[in-house]
Amino acid sequence: MATRPGGEDIRRGALYMVMAALFFAGMGAAVKAASRELPSAMVVFFRNGIGLVVLLPWLARAGGAGLGTRHFGEHVFRGVTGLAAMFCFFYAIAHMRLADAILINQSVPLVLPLVERAWLGERIAPRLWWPIGLGFLGLLFILRPGSDLFQPVALVALVSTLFASVAQVGIRRLTRTEPVTRIVFYFGLIATALSALPLAVVWRAPRPEMVALLLAMGALATAGQLCLTRAYSCAAAARVGPFIYTGVVFAGVLDWLVWGTLPDRLFMAGGLLVCAAAILALRLRAAVSGAARPAAEEPSP
């Protein structure tokens, strides 16, 4: 293994990140398949509910004494914005090619500095502007506004990215006073409770095949989160974070194998621009801020 100063294990961290990308792509495929038969609200509820159930044994071992908080309002805000991002992302997955939805969702590093500037008043380093501009140019290639190929649902995917960026800033603020366990627990609790509200209107009994698919979705999402956390424990986010973009490749393969769709040249060109720009933005932000390992941060669902 290639170990860097400070005990960083780049290769192992990269391997865990690639595994996380694979699991998240598989989760997206399960979401897309389930959404063909079930309302998005049910899919979102099962995603959160299964995740919360998986967390309960871990929380039981850790004990409930550490779950008290003086920042419940901030947890609610993070939960609402994270849930809004999930609703928009799952809707986009259901109505777009999987690779398109995942790529747009993973443009969070391009939007995050703008949210930090608007919310926290943090100055954007001058050298960050050009990767941000390059990334948005790539998004134009993918979205193709004004052409016959433009998909209005892509705007929902962009809104998901905006909500996800706001949620990431909320996580960052919470980590100043709250441990990771508490942040994860309250998000699972709030997201599950809120996503249960529409069920009285949209509920339909899923077939056994759908139940198995929903359970697989929850398992893949949990496995992805575990691998993601493990990757960040091995090395700094700026070093291993870029490997999450292998998920776009995995999603493209699933699009081809399951739904028989292939990306066109404009998508491939735009995807390369977005991935390159996001990776540059991630590295430059780390260099500017000196950030190391955002253990509580996670990609959008």
Foldseek 3Di string as FASTA:
>chain_A
DDADPPQFDLVLLQVLLLLLLLLVLLLLVLLQVLVVPAPLLVLLLLLLVLLLVVCVVVDVVVDPPQQDDPPLVLLLLLLVLLLLLSSLLSVLSNPDQSLLLVLLLVLLLLCLVVCCCVPVVDDDPPVLVVLSVLLVVLVCLSQVPPDPPHDPSVVSSNSSSNSLSVSQVSLVVCVVPGDLSNSVNSSSVSSNVVSCVCCVPRPDDDDPVSVVSSSSSNVSNVSSLVSNLVSLVNWFCLSNVLSSLCSSVSSQVCCCPPVNDHDDPSNVVSSVSSSVSSSVSSNVVCVVVVHGGPSNDDRRD
